[in-house]
Amino acid sequence: MSEFTYLNVHTHFSRAGGPASPEAWFRRARDLGYTSLAVPDRAPLAGWPAAYAASRASGVGLIYGFEADLLLPPETARRGKAEPALQSALLIAHSVQGALNLAHLATTAYTGWPAVETAIDWPTLASPSPRVVPILLGGPETAPPHPPTPPPRPHRTARPPAPPPPP
């Protein structure tokens, strides 16, 4: 069995539509020898029952999560931004309580779905109760604040050309 786990697999329950059903993803994970799989669709939690059933049928563990936008506070913004930053993120349950908290957060994020998605503010996510692991997805907020500086090159002294051979 592989200890590797995909954390960003989307099913047809996602807003943009994923490439396969939960059943197909879990069968494939089982065939590859995975012990668990995360299916954090970008949508309300409508796909959780199907993912749970597919997990049980395949014997591959389900990691509960969903994808949403976070509103990061200005003090975490980089590159001199003074306003809050909008950032896509995976929200993964850390425990059973975390899964229950994800359900509450999904209600906040997807109340107007599919027409409207609401960003989850950082204080809500950072409160002591969520037991949720946020994983930021790409974008400028996940990049280092400045491009890395290359290490200095060793200084080389030019050698004078060798004298011509004697005649």
Foldseek 3Di string as FASTA:
>chain_A
DDADEEAEAEAQQAPVHGDHALLVVLQVCLVVPAQAYEHAGAAQVPRVVVNVVSCVVSNHHYWYKHKAWEFEQQVLDAPPDRHTDIFIKIKTAQDPQLNVLRNVVSCQQAVPPPVGGDHHYPVSCPDPRNNIDIDTDDDPSVDPRDPDDDDDDDDDDDDDDDDDDDD
